N, C-alpha and C. Protein backbone atom coordinates (compact mmCIF):
# COMPACT_ATOMS: atom_id res chain seq x y z
N UNK A 1 -45.14 -0.44 4.26
CA UNK A 1 -45.15 0.36 5.46
C UNK A 1 -46.41 1.22 5.50
N UNK A 2 -47.04 1.27 6.64
CA UNK A 2 -48.21 2.12 6.80
C UNK A 2 -47.74 3.48 7.32
N UNK A 3 -48.11 4.53 6.60
CA UNK A 3 -47.70 5.88 6.99
C UNK A 3 -48.63 6.39 8.08
N UNK A 4 -48.06 6.86 9.21
CA UNK A 4 -48.91 7.39 10.29
C UNK A 4 -49.70 8.61 9.80
N UNK A 5 -50.91 8.74 10.34
CA UNK A 5 -51.75 9.90 10.00
C UNK A 5 -51.18 11.15 10.65
N UNK A 6 -51.36 12.26 9.96
CA UNK A 6 -50.89 13.54 10.49
C UNK A 6 -52.02 14.24 11.24
N UNK A 7 -51.64 14.93 12.32
CA UNK A 7 -52.61 15.73 13.06
C UNK A 7 -52.99 16.98 12.28
N UNK A 8 -54.09 17.60 12.66
CA UNK A 8 -54.59 18.75 11.91
C UNK A 8 -53.78 20.03 12.11
N UNK A 9 -52.92 20.08 13.13
CA UNK A 9 -52.10 21.29 13.34
C UNK A 9 -50.86 21.30 12.46
N UNK A 10 -50.46 20.14 11.94
CA UNK A 10 -49.24 20.03 11.14
C UNK A 10 -49.46 20.63 9.76
N UNK A 11 -48.59 21.55 9.33
CA UNK A 11 -48.75 22.12 7.99
C UNK A 11 -48.59 21.05 6.91
N UNK A 12 -49.54 21.01 5.99
CA UNK A 12 -49.56 19.95 4.98
C UNK A 12 -49.71 20.54 3.58
N UNK A 13 -49.23 19.76 2.61
CA UNK A 13 -49.41 20.08 1.19
C UNK A 13 -50.33 19.02 0.61
N UNK A 14 -51.27 19.43 -0.17
CA UNK A 14 -52.21 18.50 -0.79
C UNK A 14 -51.80 18.24 -2.24
N UNK A 15 -50.75 17.44 -2.41
CA UNK A 15 -50.25 17.08 -3.73
C UNK A 15 -50.21 15.56 -3.84
N UNK A 16 -51.28 14.94 -4.34
CA UNK A 16 -51.32 13.48 -4.39
C UNK A 16 -50.21 12.86 -5.23
N UNK A 17 -49.78 13.53 -6.30
CA UNK A 17 -48.71 12.98 -7.14
C UNK A 17 -47.39 12.98 -6.37
N UNK A 18 -47.09 14.08 -5.68
CA UNK A 18 -45.87 14.14 -4.86
C UNK A 18 -45.91 13.06 -3.78
N UNK A 19 -47.07 12.89 -3.15
CA UNK A 19 -47.20 11.90 -2.10
C UNK A 19 -46.92 10.50 -2.66
N UNK A 20 -47.45 10.22 -3.81
CA UNK A 20 -47.24 8.93 -4.47
C UNK A 20 -45.76 8.72 -4.79
N UNK A 21 -45.12 9.75 -5.35
CA UNK A 21 -43.69 9.67 -5.69
C UNK A 21 -42.85 9.47 -4.43
N UNK A 22 -43.13 10.25 -3.38
CA UNK A 22 -42.38 10.13 -2.13
C UNK A 22 -42.49 8.76 -1.51
N UNK A 23 -43.71 8.23 -1.46
CA UNK A 23 -43.92 6.91 -0.85
C UNK A 23 -43.27 5.81 -1.69
N UNK A 24 -43.38 5.93 -3.00
CA UNK A 24 -42.77 4.93 -3.88
C UNK A 24 -41.24 4.96 -3.73
N UNK A 25 -40.66 6.15 -3.69
CA UNK A 25 -39.20 6.27 -3.54
C UNK A 25 -38.74 5.70 -2.21
N UNK A 26 -39.46 6.01 -1.14
CA UNK A 26 -39.08 5.53 0.19
C UNK A 26 -39.15 4.00 0.24
N UNK A 27 -40.17 3.44 -0.37
CA UNK A 27 -40.31 1.97 -0.41
C UNK A 27 -39.20 1.36 -1.28
N UNK A 28 -38.93 1.98 -2.41
CA UNK A 28 -37.92 1.47 -3.34
C UNK A 28 -36.53 1.41 -2.71
N UNK A 29 -36.19 2.41 -1.92
CA UNK A 29 -34.85 2.43 -1.31
C UNK A 29 -34.79 1.57 -0.04
N UNK A 30 -35.95 1.06 0.40
CA UNK A 30 -35.97 0.07 1.47
C UNK A 30 -35.79 0.58 2.88
N UNK A 31 -36.15 1.83 3.13
CA UNK A 31 -36.02 2.39 4.47
C UNK A 31 -37.31 2.24 5.25
N UNK A 32 -37.20 2.39 6.60
CA UNK A 32 -38.35 2.36 7.50
C UNK A 32 -38.43 3.70 8.23
N UNK A 33 -39.65 4.05 8.60
CA UNK A 33 -39.90 5.26 9.38
C UNK A 33 -40.51 4.84 10.70
N UNK A 34 -39.90 5.25 11.79
CA UNK A 34 -40.41 4.91 13.12
C UNK A 34 -40.74 6.18 13.88
N UNK A 35 -41.82 6.12 14.64
CA UNK A 35 -42.23 7.24 15.46
C UNK A 35 -43.31 8.06 14.78
N UNK A 36 -43.79 9.06 15.49
CA UNK A 36 -44.86 9.92 14.99
C UNK A 36 -44.44 11.38 15.02
N UNK A 37 -45.00 12.12 14.10
CA UNK A 37 -44.78 13.55 14.05
C UNK A 37 -45.76 14.21 15.03
N UNK A 38 -45.27 14.94 16.03
CA UNK A 38 -46.18 15.56 17.00
C UNK A 38 -47.13 16.53 16.30
N UNK A 39 -48.33 16.61 16.81
CA UNK A 39 -49.35 17.48 16.22
C UNK A 39 -49.11 18.93 16.67
N UNK A 40 -48.08 19.52 16.11
CA UNK A 40 -47.68 20.89 16.43
C UNK A 40 -47.57 21.68 15.13
N UNK A 41 -47.94 22.94 15.19
CA UNK A 41 -47.87 23.78 13.99
C UNK A 41 -46.49 24.38 13.78
N UNK A 42 -45.68 24.40 14.84
CA UNK A 42 -44.32 24.94 14.74
C UNK A 42 -43.34 23.99 15.40
N UNK A 43 -42.33 23.59 14.63
CA UNK A 43 -41.30 22.68 15.13
C UNK A 43 -39.97 22.99 14.47
N UNK A 44 -38.89 22.71 15.19
CA UNK A 44 -37.56 22.68 14.60
C UNK A 44 -37.19 21.20 14.55
N UNK A 45 -37.05 20.67 13.33
CA UNK A 45 -36.68 19.26 13.14
C UNK A 45 -35.19 19.20 12.84
N UNK A 46 -34.46 18.42 13.64
CA UNK A 46 -33.02 18.31 13.44
C UNK A 46 -32.67 16.88 13.07
N UNK A 47 -32.10 16.71 11.89
CA UNK A 47 -31.75 15.38 11.39
C UNK A 47 -30.25 15.14 11.59
N UNK A 48 -29.93 14.01 12.20
CA UNK A 48 -28.55 13.68 12.44
C UNK A 48 -28.36 12.17 12.58
N UNK A 49 -27.19 11.66 12.29
CA UNK A 49 -26.05 12.38 11.73
C UNK A 49 -26.24 12.64 10.23
N UNK A 50 -25.71 13.77 9.80
CA UNK A 50 -25.76 14.16 8.38
C UNK A 50 -24.43 13.71 7.77
N UNK A 51 -24.49 12.66 6.94
CA UNK A 51 -23.23 12.09 6.46
C UNK A 51 -23.15 11.87 4.96
N UNK A 52 -24.22 12.22 4.23
CA UNK A 52 -24.23 11.90 2.81
C UNK A 52 -25.19 12.82 2.07
N UNK A 53 -24.93 13.02 0.78
CA UNK A 53 -25.90 13.74 -0.06
C UNK A 53 -27.20 12.96 -0.15
N UNK A 54 -27.14 11.65 0.06
CA UNK A 54 -28.32 10.80 0.02
C UNK A 54 -29.31 11.17 1.13
N UNK A 55 -28.84 11.83 2.18
CA UNK A 55 -29.73 12.28 3.25
C UNK A 55 -30.86 13.13 2.69
N UNK A 56 -30.56 13.92 1.67
CA UNK A 56 -31.58 14.78 1.06
C UNK A 56 -32.65 13.94 0.37
N UNK A 57 -32.25 12.89 -0.32
CA UNK A 57 -33.21 12.00 -0.99
C UNK A 57 -34.13 11.37 0.05
N UNK A 58 -33.54 10.91 1.15
CA UNK A 58 -34.34 10.34 2.24
C UNK A 58 -35.35 11.35 2.77
N UNK A 59 -34.85 12.54 3.08
CA UNK A 59 -35.71 13.57 3.64
C UNK A 59 -36.84 13.94 2.68
N UNK A 60 -36.50 14.14 1.42
CA UNK A 60 -37.52 14.54 0.45
C UNK A 60 -38.57 13.44 0.25
N UNK A 61 -38.14 12.18 0.26
CA UNK A 61 -39.12 11.10 0.10
C UNK A 61 -40.09 11.07 1.28
N UNK A 62 -39.63 11.37 2.48
CA UNK A 62 -40.51 11.41 3.66
C UNK A 62 -41.41 12.65 3.62
N UNK A 63 -40.84 13.79 3.29
CA UNK A 63 -41.62 15.03 3.22
C UNK A 63 -42.75 14.89 2.21
N UNK A 64 -42.42 14.41 1.02
CA UNK A 64 -43.44 14.22 -0.02
C UNK A 64 -44.38 13.08 0.34
N UNK A 65 -43.83 11.96 0.82
CA UNK A 65 -44.65 10.80 1.14
C UNK A 65 -45.66 11.07 2.24
N UNK A 66 -45.28 11.89 3.19
CA UNK A 66 -46.17 12.23 4.29
C UNK A 66 -47.09 13.39 3.91
N UNK A 67 -46.64 14.19 2.94
CA UNK A 67 -47.43 15.34 2.52
C UNK A 67 -47.29 16.53 3.45
N UNK A 68 -46.14 16.64 4.13
CA UNK A 68 -45.96 17.77 5.04
C UNK A 68 -45.33 18.95 4.31
N UNK A 69 -45.63 20.13 4.83
CA UNK A 69 -45.04 21.36 4.31
C UNK A 69 -43.89 21.72 5.25
N UNK A 70 -42.67 21.60 4.73
CA UNK A 70 -41.49 21.80 5.55
C UNK A 70 -40.50 22.68 4.80
N UNK A 71 -39.89 23.58 5.53
CA UNK A 71 -38.79 24.37 4.99
C UNK A 71 -37.51 23.84 5.62
N UNK A 72 -36.41 23.96 4.90
CA UNK A 72 -35.14 23.48 5.43
C UNK A 72 -34.05 24.47 5.08
N UNK A 73 -33.02 24.47 5.90
CA UNK A 73 -31.86 25.32 5.65
C UNK A 73 -30.82 24.48 4.93
N UNK A 74 -30.28 25.02 3.83
CA UNK A 74 -29.28 24.30 3.04
C UNK A 74 -28.14 25.21 2.63
N UNK A 75 -27.03 24.60 2.32
CA UNK A 75 -25.83 25.32 1.88
C UNK A 75 -26.17 26.20 0.67
N UNK A 76 -25.75 27.46 0.71
CA UNK A 76 -26.12 28.44 -0.31
C UNK A 76 -25.74 28.02 -1.73
N UNK A 77 -24.68 27.21 -1.87
CA UNK A 77 -24.24 26.83 -3.21
C UNK A 77 -25.25 25.93 -3.92
N UNK A 78 -26.14 25.30 -3.16
CA UNK A 78 -27.20 24.47 -3.77
C UNK A 78 -28.21 25.31 -4.54
N UNK A 79 -28.28 26.59 -4.22
CA UNK A 79 -29.34 27.44 -4.74
C UNK A 79 -28.93 28.26 -5.95
N UNK A 80 -27.79 27.92 -6.54
CA UNK A 80 -27.34 28.61 -7.74
C UNK A 80 -28.06 28.05 -8.96
N UNK A 81 -28.06 28.83 -10.03
CA UNK A 81 -28.67 28.41 -11.29
C UNK A 81 -27.92 27.20 -11.83
N UNK A 82 -28.56 26.22 -12.38
CA UNK A 82 -29.98 26.09 -12.70
C UNK A 82 -30.79 25.33 -11.64
N UNK A 83 -30.10 24.60 -10.73
CA UNK A 83 -30.85 23.76 -9.79
C UNK A 83 -31.41 24.51 -8.59
N UNK A 84 -31.05 25.78 -8.44
CA UNK A 84 -31.56 26.58 -7.33
C UNK A 84 -33.08 26.67 -7.31
N UNK A 85 -33.68 26.72 -8.49
CA UNK A 85 -35.13 26.77 -8.56
C UNK A 85 -35.76 25.56 -7.88
N UNK A 86 -35.22 24.38 -8.16
CA UNK A 86 -35.76 23.15 -7.57
C UNK A 86 -35.64 23.18 -6.06
N UNK A 87 -34.46 23.52 -5.53
CA UNK A 87 -34.26 23.49 -4.09
C UNK A 87 -35.15 24.51 -3.36
N UNK A 88 -35.39 25.65 -3.97
CA UNK A 88 -36.32 26.62 -3.38
C UNK A 88 -37.76 26.10 -3.45
N UNK A 89 -38.11 25.48 -4.57
CA UNK A 89 -39.48 24.97 -4.76
C UNK A 89 -39.83 23.88 -3.75
N UNK A 90 -38.84 23.16 -3.28
CA UNK A 90 -39.13 22.11 -2.29
C UNK A 90 -38.85 22.59 -0.86
N UNK A 91 -38.84 23.91 -0.65
CA UNK A 91 -38.80 24.48 0.69
C UNK A 91 -37.46 24.95 1.18
N UNK A 92 -36.45 24.99 0.32
CA UNK A 92 -35.11 25.35 0.75
C UNK A 92 -34.92 26.82 1.08
N UNK A 93 -34.12 27.08 2.10
CA UNK A 93 -33.71 28.43 2.49
C UNK A 93 -32.19 28.44 2.44
N UNK A 94 -31.59 29.24 1.53
CA UNK A 94 -30.12 29.23 1.42
C UNK A 94 -29.43 29.82 2.64
N UNK A 95 -28.34 29.17 3.05
CA UNK A 95 -27.55 29.62 4.19
C UNK A 95 -26.10 29.71 3.75
N UNK A 96 -25.53 30.91 3.89
CA UNK A 96 -24.11 31.10 3.61
C UNK A 96 -23.37 30.97 4.94
N UNK A 97 -22.74 29.83 5.15
CA UNK A 97 -22.09 29.56 6.44
C UNK A 97 -20.89 30.46 6.69
N UNK A 98 -20.38 31.12 5.64
CA UNK A 98 -19.23 32.01 5.82
C UNK A 98 -19.66 33.32 6.47
N UNK A 99 -20.93 33.69 6.34
CA UNK A 99 -21.41 34.93 6.94
C UNK A 99 -22.79 34.71 7.57
N UNK A 100 -22.78 34.12 8.78
CA UNK A 100 -24.05 33.76 9.42
C UNK A 100 -24.78 34.92 10.10
N UNK A 101 -24.25 36.14 9.98
CA UNK A 101 -24.86 37.27 10.66
C UNK A 101 -26.32 37.42 10.24
N UNK A 102 -27.18 37.48 11.22
CA UNK A 102 -28.59 37.74 10.96
C UNK A 102 -29.41 36.51 10.62
N UNK A 103 -28.77 35.36 10.45
CA UNK A 103 -29.52 34.15 10.07
C UNK A 103 -30.50 33.74 11.16
N UNK A 104 -30.05 33.72 12.39
CA UNK A 104 -30.92 33.31 13.49
C UNK A 104 -32.09 34.28 13.62
N UNK A 105 -31.80 35.57 13.51
CA UNK A 105 -32.87 36.58 13.58
C UNK A 105 -33.86 36.42 12.43
N UNK A 106 -33.34 36.07 11.25
CA UNK A 106 -34.21 35.85 10.08
C UNK A 106 -35.16 34.68 10.33
N UNK A 107 -34.64 33.60 10.88
CA UNK A 107 -35.46 32.41 11.14
C UNK A 107 -36.47 32.68 12.25
N UNK A 108 -36.07 33.42 13.28
CA UNK A 108 -36.99 33.78 14.36
C UNK A 108 -38.12 34.63 13.80
N UNK A 109 -37.76 35.57 12.92
CA UNK A 109 -38.78 36.41 12.28
C UNK A 109 -39.75 35.57 11.45
N UNK A 110 -39.22 34.56 10.75
CA UNK A 110 -40.08 33.65 9.98
C UNK A 110 -41.07 32.92 10.89
N UNK A 111 -40.57 32.40 12.01
CA UNK A 111 -41.44 31.71 12.96
C UNK A 111 -42.53 32.66 13.49
N UNK A 112 -42.12 33.89 13.82
CA UNK A 112 -43.08 34.84 14.40
C UNK A 112 -44.10 35.34 13.40
N UNK A 113 -43.75 35.36 12.11
CA UNK A 113 -44.67 35.91 11.11
C UNK A 113 -45.62 34.86 10.52
N UNK A 114 -45.40 33.59 10.82
CA UNK A 114 -46.23 32.52 10.25
C UNK A 114 -47.06 31.84 11.34
N UNK A 115 -48.21 31.35 10.93
CA UNK A 115 -49.04 30.59 11.87
C UNK A 115 -48.53 29.17 12.01
N UNK A 116 -47.78 28.70 11.02
CA UNK A 116 -47.20 27.36 11.09
C UNK A 116 -45.87 27.33 10.35
N UNK A 117 -44.92 26.58 10.90
CA UNK A 117 -43.61 26.44 10.25
C UNK A 117 -42.91 25.21 10.81
N UNK A 118 -42.59 24.29 9.94
CA UNK A 118 -41.71 23.18 10.27
C UNK A 118 -40.38 23.52 9.61
N UNK A 119 -39.32 23.62 10.41
CA UNK A 119 -38.01 24.00 9.89
C UNK A 119 -37.04 22.85 10.09
N UNK A 120 -36.51 22.31 8.99
CA UNK A 120 -35.55 21.22 9.05
C UNK A 120 -34.12 21.75 9.01
N UNK A 121 -33.29 21.21 9.89
CA UNK A 121 -31.90 21.65 9.99
C UNK A 121 -31.01 20.42 10.23
N UNK A 122 -29.86 20.40 9.59
CA UNK A 122 -28.81 19.42 9.92
C UNK A 122 -27.90 20.11 10.93
N UNK A 123 -28.04 19.80 12.23
CA UNK A 123 -27.34 20.58 13.26
C UNK A 123 -25.83 20.46 13.25
N UNK A 124 -25.30 19.47 12.54
CA UNK A 124 -23.85 19.35 12.43
C UNK A 124 -23.29 20.37 11.44
N UNK A 125 -24.14 20.83 10.52
CA UNK A 125 -23.74 21.87 9.59
C UNK A 125 -22.98 21.37 8.37
N UNK A 126 -22.52 20.14 8.39
CA UNK A 126 -21.74 19.59 7.28
C UNK A 126 -21.77 18.07 7.33
N UNK A 127 -21.51 17.46 6.19
CA UNK A 127 -21.47 15.99 6.15
C UNK A 127 -20.22 15.44 6.82
N UNK A 128 -19.18 16.23 6.90
CA UNK A 128 -17.89 15.76 7.44
C UNK A 128 -17.67 16.23 8.87
N UNK A 129 -18.70 16.10 9.68
CA UNK A 129 -18.63 16.58 11.05
C UNK A 129 -17.96 15.56 11.97
N UNK A 130 -17.41 16.06 13.06
CA UNK A 130 -16.87 15.19 14.10
C UNK A 130 -17.94 14.88 15.15
N UNK A 131 -19.17 15.26 14.86
CA UNK A 131 -20.27 15.03 15.80
C UNK A 131 -20.64 16.26 16.59
N UNK A 132 -19.87 17.32 16.44
CA UNK A 132 -20.18 18.57 17.14
C UNK A 132 -21.41 19.20 16.52
N UNK A 133 -22.35 19.62 17.36
CA UNK A 133 -23.56 20.27 16.87
C UNK A 133 -23.41 21.78 16.99
N UNK A 134 -23.81 22.48 15.95
CA UNK A 134 -23.83 23.94 15.97
C UNK A 134 -25.00 24.38 16.84
N UNK A 135 -24.88 25.52 17.49
CA UNK A 135 -25.90 25.98 18.45
C UNK A 135 -27.05 26.73 17.79
N UNK A 136 -26.94 27.05 16.50
CA UNK A 136 -27.97 27.87 15.85
C UNK A 136 -29.37 27.29 15.95
N UNK A 137 -29.53 25.98 15.76
CA UNK A 137 -30.86 25.38 15.82
C UNK A 137 -31.48 25.57 17.21
N UNK A 138 -30.66 25.45 18.26
CA UNK A 138 -31.16 25.60 19.63
C UNK A 138 -31.52 27.06 19.92
N UNK A 139 -30.72 27.98 19.39
CA UNK A 139 -31.03 29.41 19.58
C UNK A 139 -32.35 29.78 18.89
N UNK A 140 -32.53 29.25 17.68
CA UNK A 140 -33.77 29.50 16.94
C UNK A 140 -34.96 28.93 17.72
N UNK A 141 -34.84 27.68 18.15
CA UNK A 141 -35.93 27.02 18.88
C UNK A 141 -36.30 27.79 20.15
N UNK A 142 -35.28 28.18 20.91
CA UNK A 142 -35.53 28.89 22.16
C UNK A 142 -36.22 30.23 21.90
N UNK A 143 -35.67 31.02 20.99
CA UNK A 143 -36.22 32.36 20.73
C UNK A 143 -37.62 32.30 20.12
N UNK A 144 -37.89 31.26 19.32
CA UNK A 144 -39.19 31.14 18.66
C UNK A 144 -40.17 30.29 19.47
N UNK A 145 -39.72 29.76 20.61
CA UNK A 145 -40.55 28.86 21.44
C UNK A 145 -41.09 27.70 20.61
N UNK A 146 -40.24 27.15 19.75
CA UNK A 146 -40.62 26.03 18.88
C UNK A 146 -39.94 24.77 19.38
N UNK A 147 -40.70 23.75 19.79
CA UNK A 147 -40.09 22.51 20.26
C UNK A 147 -39.16 21.90 19.21
N UNK A 148 -38.21 21.11 19.68
CA UNK A 148 -37.21 20.47 18.81
C UNK A 148 -37.51 18.98 18.71
N UNK A 149 -37.55 18.48 17.47
CA UNK A 149 -37.77 17.06 17.24
C UNK A 149 -36.54 16.47 16.55
N UNK A 150 -35.74 15.67 17.27
CA UNK A 150 -34.62 15.00 16.61
C UNK A 150 -35.12 13.90 15.67
N UNK A 151 -34.51 13.82 14.49
CA UNK A 151 -34.79 12.74 13.54
C UNK A 151 -33.47 12.01 13.35
N UNK A 152 -33.45 10.77 13.80
CA UNK A 152 -32.22 10.00 13.85
C UNK A 152 -32.10 9.15 12.58
N UNK A 153 -30.99 9.34 11.87
CA UNK A 153 -30.71 8.62 10.63
C UNK A 153 -29.78 7.45 10.97
N UNK A 154 -30.22 6.23 10.63
CA UNK A 154 -29.39 5.06 10.89
C UNK A 154 -29.22 4.28 9.60
N UNK A 155 -28.05 4.43 8.98
CA UNK A 155 -27.77 3.75 7.71
C UNK A 155 -27.59 2.24 7.90
N UNK A 156 -27.20 1.81 9.08
CA UNK A 156 -27.00 0.38 9.31
C UNK A 156 -28.33 -0.37 9.28
N UNK A 157 -29.35 0.18 9.94
CA UNK A 157 -30.67 -0.47 9.98
C UNK A 157 -31.63 0.10 8.94
N UNK A 158 -31.19 1.11 8.19
CA UNK A 158 -32.02 1.79 7.18
C UNK A 158 -33.33 2.27 7.80
N UNK A 159 -33.16 3.01 8.91
CA UNK A 159 -34.31 3.49 9.67
C UNK A 159 -34.17 4.99 9.95
N UNK A 160 -35.27 5.71 9.75
CA UNK A 160 -35.39 7.10 10.22
C UNK A 160 -36.30 7.04 11.44
N UNK A 161 -35.79 7.52 12.58
CA UNK A 161 -36.56 7.48 13.81
C UNK A 161 -36.87 8.90 14.27
N UNK A 162 -38.15 9.18 14.45
CA UNK A 162 -38.55 10.46 15.01
C UNK A 162 -38.43 10.33 16.52
N UNK A 163 -37.52 11.09 17.10
CA UNK A 163 -37.16 10.95 18.51
C UNK A 163 -38.18 11.58 19.44
N UNK A 164 -37.72 11.76 20.67
CA UNK A 164 -38.55 12.37 21.71
C UNK A 164 -38.55 13.88 21.55
N UNK A 165 -39.74 14.48 21.58
CA UNK A 165 -39.88 15.92 21.43
C UNK A 165 -39.23 16.64 22.61
N UNK A 166 -38.43 17.64 22.31
CA UNK A 166 -37.76 18.43 23.34
C UNK A 166 -38.55 19.74 23.50
N UNK A 167 -39.19 19.87 24.64
CA UNK A 167 -40.03 21.05 24.89
C UNK A 167 -39.43 22.00 25.91
N UNK A 168 -38.43 21.54 26.67
CA UNK A 168 -37.76 22.41 27.63
C UNK A 168 -36.73 23.23 26.85
N UNK A 169 -37.09 24.46 26.56
CA UNK A 169 -36.27 25.31 25.71
C UNK A 169 -35.57 26.43 26.48
N UNK A 170 -35.46 26.27 27.80
CA UNK A 170 -34.88 27.33 28.64
C UNK A 170 -33.37 27.45 28.50
N UNK A 171 -32.70 26.35 28.19
CA UNK A 171 -31.25 26.34 28.20
C UNK A 171 -30.72 25.81 26.86
N UNK A 172 -29.98 26.63 26.14
CA UNK A 172 -29.45 26.25 24.83
C UNK A 172 -28.54 25.02 24.94
N UNK A 173 -27.65 25.01 25.92
CA UNK A 173 -26.77 23.84 26.10
C UNK A 173 -27.58 22.59 26.42
N UNK A 174 -28.66 22.74 27.17
CA UNK A 174 -29.53 21.61 27.50
C UNK A 174 -30.22 21.04 26.27
N UNK A 175 -30.65 21.92 25.36
CA UNK A 175 -31.28 21.48 24.12
C UNK A 175 -30.26 20.68 23.29
N UNK A 176 -29.06 21.22 23.16
CA UNK A 176 -28.01 20.57 22.38
C UNK A 176 -27.69 19.20 22.99
N UNK A 177 -27.55 19.14 24.31
CA UNK A 177 -27.25 17.86 24.98
C UNK A 177 -28.34 16.84 24.74
N UNK A 178 -29.60 17.26 24.84
CA UNK A 178 -30.72 16.33 24.64
C UNK A 178 -30.73 15.79 23.22
N UNK A 179 -30.41 16.62 22.24
CA UNK A 179 -30.35 16.16 20.85
C UNK A 179 -29.18 15.20 20.67
N UNK A 180 -28.03 15.53 21.25
CA UNK A 180 -26.85 14.67 21.14
C UNK A 180 -27.12 13.27 21.69
N UNK A 181 -27.77 13.21 22.86
CA UNK A 181 -28.07 11.92 23.48
C UNK A 181 -28.93 11.08 22.55
N UNK A 182 -29.97 11.67 21.99
CA UNK A 182 -30.84 10.92 21.08
C UNK A 182 -30.09 10.56 19.79
N UNK A 183 -29.22 11.43 19.36
CA UNK A 183 -28.46 11.22 18.13
C UNK A 183 -27.48 10.07 18.19
N UNK A 184 -27.15 9.62 19.40
CA UNK A 184 -26.21 8.51 19.54
C UNK A 184 -26.75 7.22 18.92
N UNK A 185 -28.06 7.13 18.73
CA UNK A 185 -28.67 5.94 18.11
C UNK A 185 -28.47 5.94 16.59
N UNK A 186 -27.99 7.03 16.04
CA UNK A 186 -27.80 7.13 14.60
C UNK A 186 -26.53 6.44 14.13
N UNK A 187 -26.49 6.16 12.84
CA UNK A 187 -25.32 5.53 12.23
C UNK A 187 -25.03 6.23 10.92
N UNK A 188 -23.84 6.77 10.80
CA UNK A 188 -23.44 7.48 9.58
C UNK A 188 -23.37 6.52 8.41
N UNK A 189 -23.52 7.07 7.19
CA UNK A 189 -23.37 6.26 5.98
C UNK A 189 -21.91 5.85 5.81
N UNK A 190 -21.03 6.78 6.07
CA UNK A 190 -19.60 6.53 5.99
C UNK A 190 -18.93 7.34 7.08
N UNK A 191 -17.77 6.91 7.56
CA UNK A 191 -17.08 7.68 8.58
C UNK A 191 -16.78 9.10 8.09
N UNK A 192 -16.79 10.03 9.02
CA UNK A 192 -16.49 11.42 8.67
C UNK A 192 -15.04 11.54 8.22
N UNK A 193 -14.81 12.42 7.26
CA UNK A 193 -13.45 12.72 6.78
C UNK A 193 -12.96 13.95 7.52
N UNK A 194 -12.21 13.72 8.56
CA UNK A 194 -11.77 14.86 9.38
C UNK A 194 -10.39 15.31 9.03
């Protein structure tokens, strides 16, 4: 697979060893990447459907393989000792879903204080979702004026598809609907346990 070139506005990491590891892992697991990453310095990337711990391996292989600098929101329990160091080192931001107060404001502040930020979020919030998307990603995108890029995971075709960029950020429900429509092309690894 030929990796698309990144635009100069996209935050990047210059780690040739990580890039080699990411590309080798992505090739080894036999997945394809379709679409291009828009040349934007600030984006909210939403990956769906989130159905397996393997989603993290997929994401990390693309992040490293492409050489992009991306932060992601993850369940706070991932960040406990001893593996917490690793998850933070690869861009993780712990989220305690039991007490979300201030999280959106924290992310908006991060967007406003940085010249560039790619923020990855699983908008379903859990692997065992019924397909309902949480509104936090849309609130963050709207308040930070950061376009939303859906990344569609399809386990049936083993394809990650970078969807159509959502730039109309005026209506939170509209953002969620646009992501849901694009997300219909995704295929879960296993049915949700509801």
